[in-house]
Amino acid sequence: MAHVHGAKITQGTAEAAKMMSSSMADMGKMGMAAKQPMAHGVSKTIAAGTAAAGKSTLKKVLTHPVTLIGLGFALGYLVYKYRKDIIAVSEQE
């Protein structure tokens, strides 16, 4: 009897896989149909929104306290490393 039950499970799995693939194909067709009419007008809106989002993201990154502290450390390191050159240049002028 165990072999019969195993055959039923295998058959049910194959049917479920067929149903899943057909439903996924139908969903893909619906998505393509919905995107095509609006594609022309939306592309300009998306481009404008992306540019605005890029500017605000860059501003957030550059004004973040961790970024500012890191820049301060880097600047302090460079000033300390080249302090003799900086002093020599300022004395020449």
PDB file of N, CA and C in Angstrom:
ATOM      1  N   MET A   1       0.804  -1.206   0.000  1.00  0.00           N
ATOM      2  CA  MET A   1       0.000   0.000   0.000  1.00  0.00           C
ATOM      3  C   MET A   1       0.851   1.276   0.000  1.00  0.00           C
ATOM      4  N   ALA A   2       2.043   1.212   0.552  1.00  0.00           N
ATOM      5  CA  ALA A   2       2.881   2.402   0.637  1.00  0.00           C
ATOM      6  C   ALA A   2       3.274   2.912  -0.738  1.00  0.00           C
ATOM      7  N   HIS A   3       3.495   1.987  -1.688  1.00  0.00           N
ATOM      8  CA  HIS A   3       3.876   2.423  -3.019  1.00  0.00           C
ATOM      9  C   HIS A   3       2.755   3.154  -3.733  1.00  0.00           C
ATOM     10  N   VAL A   4       1.533   2.844  -3.412  1.00  0.00           N
ATOM     11  CA  VAL A   4       0.387   3.514  -4.030  1.00  0.00           C
ATOM     12  C   VAL A   4       0.292   4.949  -3.523  1.00  0.00           C
ATOM     13  N   HIS A   5       0.482   5.110  -2.237  1.00  0.00           N
ATOM     14  CA  HIS A   5       0.409   6.461  -1.667  1.00  0.00           C
ATOM     15  C   HIS A   5       1.534   7.339  -2.213  1.00  0.00           C
ATOM     16  N   GLY A   6       2.702   6.765  -2.393  1.00  0.00           N
ATOM     17  CA  GLY A   6       3.826   7.506  -2.953  1.00  0.00           C
ATOM     18  C   GLY A   6       3.535   7.976  -4.367  1.00  0.00           C
ATOM     19  N   ALA A   7       2.880   7.148  -5.157  1.00  0.00           N
ATOM     20  CA  ALA A   7       2.530   7.513  -6.524  1.00  0.00           C
ATOM     21  C   ALA A   7       1.533   8.658  -6.538  1.00  0.00           C
ATOM     22  N   LYS A   8       0.599   8.661  -5.605  1.00  0.00           N
ATOM     23  CA  LYS A   8      -0.383   9.742  -5.537  1.00  0.00           C
ATOM     24  C   LYS A   8       0.287  11.066  -5.164  1.00  0.00           C
ATOM     25  N   ILE A   9       1.239  11.006  -4.272  1.00  0.00           N
ATOM     26  CA  ILE A   9       1.925  12.228  -3.878  1.00  0.00           C
ATOM     27  C   ILE A   9       2.716  12.794  -5.047  1.00  0.00           C
ATOM     28  N   THR A  10       3.405  11.936  -5.784  1.00  0.00           N
ATOM     29  CA  THR A  10       4.181  12.383  -6.929  1.00  0.00           C
ATOM     30  C   THR A  10       3.289  13.001  -7.990  1.00  0.00           C
ATOM     31  N   GLN A  11       2.123  12.380  -8.214  1.00  0.00           N
ATOM     32  CA  GLN A  11       1.191  12.898  -9.212  1.00  0.00           C
ATOM     33  C   GLN A  11       0.646  14.255  -8.764  1.00  0.00           C
ATOM     34  N   GLY A  12       0.342  14.394  -7.492  1.00  0.00           N
ATOM     35  CA  GLY A  12      -0.164  15.666  -6.968  1.00  0.00           C
ATOM     36  C   GLY A  12       0.881  16.763  -7.071  1.00  0.00           C
ATOM     37  N   THR A  13       2.132  16.432  -6.852  1.00  0.00           N
ATOM     38  CA  THR A  13       3.208  17.418  -6.939  1.00  0.00           C
ATOM     39  C   THR A  13       3.382  17.908  -8.362  1.00  0.00           C
ATOM     40  N   ALA A  14       3.274  16.985  -9.324  1.00  0.00           N
ATOM     41  CA  ALA A  14       3.409  17.375 -10.728  1.00  0.00           C
ATOM     42  C   ALA A  14       2.267  18.297 -11.148  1.00  0.00           C
ATOM     43  N   GLU A  15       1.066  17.986 -10.685  1.00  0.00           N
ATOM     44  CA  GLU A  15      -0.086  18.832 -11.013  1.00  0.00           C
ATOM     45  C   GLU A  15       0.074  20.221 -10.386  1.00  0.00           C
ATOM     46  N   ALA A  16       0.569  20.262  -9.162  1.00  0.00           N
ATOM     47  CA  ALA A  16       0.763  21.552  -8.493  1.00  0.00           C
ATOM     48  C   ALA A  16       1.815  22.381  -9.225  1.00  0.00           C
ATOM     49  N   ALA A  17       2.864  21.724  -9.713  1.00  0.00           N
ATOM     50  CA  ALA A  17       3.904  22.440 -10.448  1.00  0.00           C
ATOM     51  C   ALA A  17       3.353  23.002 -11.751  1.00  0.00           C
ATOM     52  N   LYS A  18       2.495  22.246 -12.447  1.00  0.00           N
ATOM     53  CA  LYS A  18       1.884  22.737 -13.689  1.00  0.00           C
ATOM     54  C   LYS A  18       0.998  23.942 -13.410  1.00  0.00           C
ATOM     55  N   MET A  19       0.207  23.853 -12.345  1.00  0.00           N
ATOM     56  CA  MET A  19      -0.684  24.956 -12.008  1.00  0.00           C
ATOM     57  C   MET A  19       0.124  26.210 -11.649  1.00  0.00           C
ATOM     58  N   MET A  20       1.201  26.014 -10.917  1.00  0.00           N
ATOM     59  CA  MET A  20       2.020  27.140 -10.505  1.00  0.00           C
ATOM     60  C   MET A  20       2.675  27.823 -11.706  1.00  0.00           C
ATOM     61  N   SER A  21       3.213  27.037 -12.630  1.00  0.00           N
ATOM     62  CA  SER A  21       3.875  27.632 -13.792  1.00  0.00           C
ATOM     63  C   SER A  21       2.877  28.356 -14.689  1.00  0.00           C
ATOM     64  N   SER A  22       1.687  27.807 -14.842  1.00  0.00           N
ATOM     65  CA  SER A  22       0.698  28.482 -15.684  1.00  0.00           C
ATOM     66  C   SER A  22       0.214  29.774 -15.031  1.00  0.00           C
ATOM     67  N   SER A  23       0.045  29.762 -13.719  1.00  0.00           N
ATOM     68  CA  SER A  23      -0.407  30.988 -13.055  1.00  0.00           C
ATOM     69  C   SER A  23       0.681  32.056 -13.081  1.00  0.00           C
ATOM     70  N   MET A  24       1.938  31.655 -12.957  1.00  0.00           N
ATOM     71  CA  MET A  24       3.034  32.625 -13.028  1.00  0.00           C
ATOM     72  C   MET A  24       3.138  33.224 -14.430  1.00  0.00           C
ATOM     73  N   ALA A  25       2.899  32.424 -15.458  1.00  0.00           N
ATOM     74  CA  ALA A  25       2.933  32.929 -16.829  1.00  0.00           C
ATOM     75  C   ALA A  25       1.813  33.945 -17.049  1.00  0.00           C
ATOM     76  N   ASP A  26       0.627  33.656 -16.498  1.00  0.00           N
ATOM     77  CA  ASP A  26      -0.491  34.585 -16.627  1.00  0.00           C
ATOM     78  C   ASP A  26      -0.203  35.900 -15.903  1.00  0.00           C
ATOM     79  N   MET A  27       0.435  35.825 -14.751  1.00  0.00           N
ATOM     80  CA  MET A  27       0.765  37.040 -14.010  1.00  0.00           C
ATOM     81  C   MET A  27       1.774  37.884 -14.777  1.00  0.00           C
ATOM     82  N   GLY A  28       2.713  37.230 -15.440  1.00  0.00           N
ATOM     83  CA  GLY A  28       3.692  37.961 -16.240  1.00  0.00           C
ATOM     84  C   GLY A  28       3.027  38.681 -17.398  1.00  0.00           C
ATOM     85  N   LYS A  29       2.057  38.055 -18.027  1.00  0.00           N
ATOM     86  CA  LYS A  29       1.341  38.686 -19.137  1.00  0.00           C
ATOM     87  C   LYS A  29       0.555  39.894 -18.653  1.00  0.00           C
ATOM     88  N   MET A  30      -0.074  39.768 -17.480  1.00  0.00           N
ATOM     89  CA  MET A  30      -0.852  40.878 -16.955  1.00  0.00           C
ATOM     90  C   MET A  30       0.051  42.066 -16.626  1.00  0.00           C
ATOM     91  N   GLY A  31       1.228  41.791 -16.078  1.00  0.00           N
ATOM     92  CA  GLY A  31       2.146  42.866 -15.736  1.00  0.00           C
ATOM     93  C   GLY A  31       2.629  43.600 -16.970  1.00  0.00           C
ATOM     94  N   MET A  32       2.912  42.883 -18.044  1.00  0.00           N
ATOM     95  CA  MET A  32       3.383  43.523 -19.275  1.00  0.00           C
ATOM     96  C   MET A  32       2.279  44.379 -19.890  1.00  0.00           C
ATOM     97  N   ALA A  33       1.052  43.897 -19.830  1.00  0.00           N
ATOM     98  CA  ALA A  33      -0.052  44.656 -20.406  1.00  0.00           C
ATOM     99  C   ALA A  33      -0.288  45.945 -19.620  1.00  0.00           C
ATOM    100  N   ALA A  34      -0.096  45.894 -18.309  1.00  0.00           N
ATOM    101  CA  ALA A  34      -0.339  47.077 -17.490  1.00  0.00           C
ATOM    102  C   ALA A  34       0.772  48.112 -17.667  1.00  0.00           C
ATOM    103  N   LYS A  35       1.982  47.695 -17.945  1.00  0.00           N
ATOM    104  CA  LYS A  35       3.105  48.622 -18.037  1.00  0.00           C
ATOM    105  C   LYS A  35       3.179  49.345 -19.381  1.00  0.00           C
ATOM    106  N   GLN A  36       2.745  48.742 -20.435  1.00  0.00           N
ATOM    107  CA  GLN A  36       2.941  49.304 -21.756  1.00  0.00           C
ATOM    108  C   GLN A  36       2.247  50.641 -21.992  1.00  0.00           C
ATOM    109  N   PRO A  37       0.981  50.851 -21.643  1.00  0.00           N
ATOM    110  CA  PRO A  37       0.348  52.132 -21.958  1.00  0.00           C
ATOM    111  C   PRO A  37       0.947  53.321 -21.196  1.00  0.00           C
ATOM    112  N   MET A  38       1.441  53.107 -19.985  1.00  0.00           N
ATOM    113  CA  MET A  38       1.904  54.214 -19.176  1.00  0.00           C
ATOM    114  C   MET A  38       3.410  54.438 -19.296  1.00  0.00           C
ATOM    115  N   ALA A  39       4.112  53.637 -20.016  1.00  0.00           N
ATOM    116  CA  ALA A  39       5.574  53.672 -20.020  1.00  0.00           C
ATOM    117  C   ALA A  39       6.129  55.013 -20.499  1.00  0.00           C
ATOM    118  N   HIS A  40       5.500  55.658 -21.456  1.00  0.00           N
ATOM    119  CA  HIS A  40       6.058  56.887 -22.027  1.00  0.00           C
ATOM    120  C   HIS A  40       6.015  58.051 -21.035  1.00  0.00           C
ATOM    121  N   GLY A  41       4.891  58.298 -20.403  1.00  0.00           N
ATOM    122  CA  GLY A  41       4.742  59.439 -19.502  1.00  0.00           C
ATOM    123  C   GLY A  41       5.413  59.239 -18.163  1.00  0.00           C
ATOM    124  N   VAL A  42       5.495  58.013 -17.718  1.00  0.00           N
ATOM    125  CA  VAL A  42       6.039  57.735 -16.402  1.00  0.00           C
ATOM    126  C   VAL A  42       7.555  57.848 -16.391  1.00  0.00           C
ATOM    127  N   SER A  43       8.210  57.601 -17.511  1.00  0.00           N
ATOM    128  CA  SER A  43       9.675  57.600 -17.525  1.00  0.00           C
ATOM    129  C   SER A  43      10.237  58.973 -17.158  1.00  0.00           C
ATOM    130  N   LYS A  44       9.605  60.051 -17.593  1.00  0.00           N
ATOM    131  CA  LYS A  44      10.069  61.394 -17.243  1.00  0.00           C
ATOM    132  C   LYS A  44       9.876  61.663 -15.750  1.00  0.00           C
ATOM    133  N   THR A  45       8.766  61.194 -15.200  1.00  0.00           N
ATOM    134  CA  THR A  45       8.492  61.385 -13.782  1.00  0.00           C
ATOM    135  C   THR A  45       9.490  60.617 -12.935  1.00  0.00           C
ATOM    136  N   ILE A  46       9.801  59.391 -13.353  1.00  0.00           N
ATOM    137  CA  ILE A  46      10.760  58.580 -12.612  1.00  0.00           C
ATOM    138  C   ILE A  46      12.143  59.224 -12.662  1.00  0.00           C
ATOM    139  N   ALA A  47      12.526  59.751 -13.803  1.00  0.00           N
ATOM    140  CA  ALA A  47      13.839  60.388 -13.931  1.00  0.00           C
ATOM    141  C   ALA A  47      13.932  61.601 -13.014  1.00  0.00           C
ATOM    142  N   ALA A  48      12.888  62.398 -12.937  1.00  0.00           N
ATOM    143  CA  ALA A  48      12.899  63.571 -12.065  1.00  0.00           C
ATOM    144  C   ALA A  48      12.932  63.162 -10.599  1.00  0.00           C
ATOM    145  N   GLY A  49      12.179  62.137 -10.255  1.00  0.00           N
ATOM    146  CA  GLY A  49      12.171  61.652  -8.870  1.00  0.00           C
ATOM    147  C   GLY A  49      13.498  61.055  -8.468  1.00  0.00           C
ATOM    148  N   THR A  50      14.150  60.365  -9.387  1.00  0.00           N
ATOM    149  CA  THR A  50      15.452  59.776  -9.087  1.00  0.00           C
ATOM    150  C   THR A  50      16.500  60.848  -8.859  1.00  0.00           C
ATOM    151  N   ALA A  51      16.460  61.908  -9.647  1.00  0.00           N
ATOM    152  CA  ALA A  51      17.424  62.997  -9.475  1.00  0.00           C
ATOM    153  C   ALA A  51      17.229  63.674  -8.125  1.00  0.00           C
ATOM    154  N   ALA A  52      15.989  63.899  -7.738  1.00  0.00           N
ATOM    155  CA  ALA A  52      15.715  64.534  -6.448  1.00  0.00           C
ATOM    156  C   ALA A  52      16.123  63.620  -5.302  1.00  0.00           C
ATOM    157  N   ALA A  53      15.867  62.341  -5.434  1.00  0.00           N
ATOM    158  CA  ALA A  53      16.236  61.394  -4.380  1.00  0.00           C
ATOM    159  C   ALA A  53      17.746  61.287  -4.258  1.00  0.00           C
ATOM    160  N   GLY A  54      18.451  61.357  -5.370  1.00  0.00           N
ATOM    161  CA  GLY A  54      19.903  61.287  -5.341  1.00  0.00           C
ATOM    162  C   GLY A  54      20.515  62.467  -4.606  1.00  0.00           C
ATOM    163  N   LYS A  55      19.962  63.646  -4.816  1.00  0.00           N
ATOM    164  CA  LYS A  55      20.474  64.839  -4.143  1.00  0.00           C
ATOM    165  C   LYS A  55      20.234  64.760  -2.640  1.00  0.00           C
ATOM    166  N   SER A  56      19.042  64.341  -2.239  1.00  0.00           N
ATOM    167  CA  SER A  56      18.757  64.285  -0.805  1.00  0.00           C
ATOM    168  C   SER A  56      19.548  63.171  -0.137  1.00  0.00           C
ATOM    169  N   THR A  57      19.784  62.069  -0.834  1.00  0.00           N
ATOM    170  CA  THR A  57      20.573  60.982  -0.262  1.00  0.00           C
ATOM    171  C   THR A  57      22.015  61.422  -0.079  1.00  0.00           C
ATOM    172  N   LEU A  58      22.562  62.100  -1.068  1.00  0.00           N
ATOM    173  CA  LEU A  58      23.931  62.592  -0.968  1.00  0.00           C
ATOM    174  C   LEU A  58      24.061  63.589   0.185  1.00  0.00           C
ATOM    175  N   LYS A  59      23.071  64.439   0.338  1.00  0.00           N
ATOM    176  CA  LYS A  59      23.105  65.412   1.427  1.00  0.00           C
ATOM    177  C   LYS A  59      23.060  64.703   2.778  1.00  0.00           C
ATOM    178  N   LYS A  60      22.234  63.669   2.883  1.00  0.00           N
ATOM    179  CA  LYS A  60      22.148  62.924   4.138  1.00  0.00           C
ATOM    180  C   LYS A  60      23.469  62.246   4.472  1.00  0.00           C
ATOM    181  N   VAL A  61      24.109  61.679   3.458  1.00  0.00           N
ATOM    182  CA  VAL A  61      25.384  60.988   3.692  1.00  0.00           C
ATOM    183  C   VAL A  61      26.465  61.982   4.096  1.00  0.00           C
ATOM    184  N   LEU A  62      26.543  63.108   3.388  1.00  0.00           N
ATOM    185  CA  LEU A  62      27.605  64.073   3.667  1.00  0.00           C
ATOM    186  C   LEU A  62      27.425  64.811   4.987  1.00  0.00           C
ATOM    187  N   THR A  63      26.198  64.952   5.449  1.00  0.00           N
ATOM    188  CA  THR A  63      25.970  65.660   6.709  1.00  0.00           C
ATOM    189  C   THR A  63      25.777  64.710   7.887  1.00  0.00           C
ATOM    190  N   HIS A  64      25.962  63.429   7.680  1.00  0.00           N
ATOM    191  CA  HIS A  64      25.834  62.468   8.777  1.00  0.00           C
ATOM    192  C   HIS A  64      26.999  62.665   9.746  1.00  0.00           C
ATOM    193  N   PRO A  65      26.744  62.604  11.042  1.00  0.00           N
ATOM    194  CA  PRO A  65      27.814  62.837  12.020  1.00  0.00           C
ATOM    195  C   PRO A  65      29.014  61.895  11.883  1.00  0.00           C
ATOM    196  N   VAL A  66      28.777  60.646  11.552  1.00  0.00           N
ATOM    197  CA  VAL A  66      29.885  59.708  11.402  1.00  0.00           C
ATOM    198  C   VAL A  66      30.770  60.105  10.221  1.00  0.00           C
ATOM    199  N   THR A  67      30.156  60.554   9.136  1.00  0.00           N
ATOM    200  CA  THR A  67      30.932  60.999   7.980  1.00  0.00           C
ATOM    201  C   THR A  67      31.757  62.236   8.324  1.00  0.00           C
ATOM    202  N   LEU A  68      31.153  63.158   9.042  1.00  0.00           N
ATOM    203  CA  LEU A  68      31.874  64.379   9.420  1.00  0.00           C
ATOM    204  C   LEU A  68      33.033  64.067  10.366  1.00  0.00           C
ATOM    205  N   ILE A  69      32.840  63.162  11.307  1.00  0.00           N
ATOM    206  CA  ILE A  69      33.929  62.784  12.214  1.00  0.00           C
ATOM    207  C   ILE A  69      35.049  62.108  11.432  1.00  0.00           C
ATOM    208  N   GLY A  70      34.676  61.240  10.487  1.00  0.00           N
ATOM    209  CA  GLY A  70      35.683  60.567   9.659  1.00  0.00           C
ATOM    210  C   GLY A  70      36.477  61.550   8.828  1.00  0.00           C
ATOM    211  N   LEU A  71      35.799  62.533   8.263  1.00  0.00           N
ATOM    212  CA  LEU A  71      36.501  63.570   7.497  1.00  0.00           C
ATOM    213  C   LEU A  71      37.427  64.389   8.392  1.00  0.00           C
ATOM    214  N   GLY A  72      36.985  64.649   9.621  1.00  0.00           N
ATOM    215  CA  GLY A  72      37.829  65.381  10.566  1.00  0.00           C
ATOM    216  C   GLY A  72      39.089  64.598  10.912  1.00  0.00           C
ATOM    217  N   PHE A  73      38.927  63.295  11.135  1.00  0.00           N
ATOM    218  CA  PHE A  73      40.102  62.460  11.414  1.00  0.00           C
ATOM    219  C   PHE A  73      41.062  62.440  10.228  1.00  0.00           C
ATOM    220  N   ALA A  74      40.508  62.282   9.029  1.00  0.00           N
ATOM    221  CA  ALA A  74      41.362  62.233   7.832  1.00  0.00           C
ATOM    222  C   ALA A  74      42.099  63.554   7.635  1.00  0.00           C
ATOM    223  N   LEU A  75      41.399  64.655   7.809  1.00  0.00           N
ATOM    224  CA  LEU A  75      42.037  65.969   7.661  1.00  0.00           C
ATOM    225  C   LEU A  75      43.097  66.181   8.737  1.00  0.00           C
ATOM    226  N   GLY A  76      42.789  65.799   9.966  1.00  0.00           N
ATOM    227  CA  GLY A  76      43.766  65.918  11.045  1.00  0.00           C
ATOM    228  C   GLY A  76      45.001  65.082  10.786  1.00  0.00           C
ATOM    229  N   TYR A  77      44.820  63.890  10.277  1.00  0.00           N
ATOM    230  CA  TYR A  77      45.960  63.024   9.957  1.00  0.00           C
ATOM    231  C   TYR A  77      46.841  63.654   8.884  1.00  0.00           C
ATOM    232  N   LEU A  78      46.215  64.179   7.829  1.00  0.00           N
ATOM    233  CA  LEU A  78      46.983  64.778   6.739  1.00  0.00           C
ATOM    234  C   LEU A  78      47.729  66.032   7.188  1.00  0.00           C
ATOM    235  N   VAL A  79      47.076  66.831   8.027  1.00  0.00           N
ATOM    236  CA  VAL A  79      47.740  68.034   8.532  1.00  0.00           C
ATOM    237  C   VAL A  79      48.925  67.634   9.403  1.00  0.00           C
ATOM    238  N   TYR A  80      48.751  66.614  10.241  1.00  0.00           N
ATOM    239  CA  TYR A  80      49.852  66.166  11.096  1.00  0.00           C
ATOM    240  C   TYR A  80      50.984  65.574  10.267  1.00  0.00           C
ATOM    241  N   LYS A  81      50.643  64.804   9.239  1.00  0.00           N
ATOM    242  CA  LYS A  81      51.660  64.153   8.406  1.00  0.00           C
ATOM    243  C   LYS A  81      52.491  65.186   7.642  1.00  0.00           C
ATOM    244  N   TYR A  82      51.833  66.204   7.106  1.00  0.00           N
ATOM    245  CA  TYR A  82      52.516  67.202   6.283  1.00  0.00           C
ATOM    246  C   TYR A  82      52.723  68.522   7.015  1.00  0.00           C
ATOM    247  N   ARG A  83      52.796  68.498   8.350  1.00  0.00           N
ATOM    248  CA  ARG A  83      52.894  69.735   9.126  1.00  0.00           C
ATOM    249  C   ARG A  83      54.167  70.519   8.822  1.00  0.00           C
ATOM    250  N   LYS A  84      55.264  69.806   8.593  1.00  0.00           N
ATOM    251  CA  LYS A  84      56.525  70.500   8.299  1.00  0.00           C
ATOM    252  C   LYS A  84      56.460  71.212   6.952  1.00  0.00           C
ATOM    253  N   ASP A  85      55.845  70.560   5.961  1.00  0.00           N
ATOM    254  CA  ASP A  85      55.690  71.195   4.651  1.00  0.00           C
ATOM    255  C   ASP A  85      54.766  72.410   4.730  1.00  0.00           C
ATOM    256  N   ILE A  86      53.722  72.288   5.521  1.00  0.00           N
ATOM    257  CA  ILE A  86      52.766  73.385   5.657  1.00  0.00           C
ATOM    258  C   ILE A  86      53.444  74.587   6.321  1.00  0.00           C
ATOM    259  N   ILE A  87      54.230  74.316   7.355  1.00  0.00           N
ATOM    260  CA  ILE A  87      54.943  75.391   8.043  1.00  0.00           C
ATOM    261  C   ILE A  87      55.970  76.026   7.118  1.00  0.00           C
ATOM    262  N   ALA A  88      56.668  75.210   6.340  1.00  0.00           N
ATOM    263  CA  ALA A  88      57.692  75.741   5.420  1.00  0.00           C
ATOM    264  C   ALA A  88      57.066  76.636   4.358  1.00  0.00           C
ATOM    265  N   VAL A  89      55.957  76.258   3.832  1.00  0.00           N
ATOM    266  CA  VAL A  89      55.269  77.060   2.815  1.00  0.00           C
ATOM    267  C   VAL A  89      54.769  78.364   3.421  1.00  0.00           C
ATOM    268  N   SER A  90      54.245  78.312   4.631  1.00  0.00           N
ATOM    269  CA  SER A  90      53.727  79.540   5.253  1.00  0.00           C
ATOM    270  C   SER A  90      54.864  80.499   5.625  1.00  0.00           C
ATOM    271  N   GLU A  91      56.039  79.985   5.956  1.00  0.00           N
ATOM    272  CA  GLU A  91      57.184  80.861   6.267  1.00  0.00           C
ATOM    273  C   GLU A  91      57.761  81.529   5.022  1.00  0.00           C
ATOM    274  N   GLN A  92      57.625  80.856   3.865  1.00  0.00           N
ATOM    275  CA  GLN A  92      58.167  81.419   2.616  1.00  0.00           C
ATOM    276  C   GLN A  92      57.360  82.615   2.158  1.00  0.00           C
ATOM    277  N   GLU A  93      56.124  82.656   2.473  1.00  0.00           N
ATOM    278  CA  GLU A  93      55.263  83.739   1.970  1.00  0.00           C
ATOM    279  C   GLU A  93      55.344  84.932   2.796  1.00  0.00           C
TER     280      GLU A  93
END
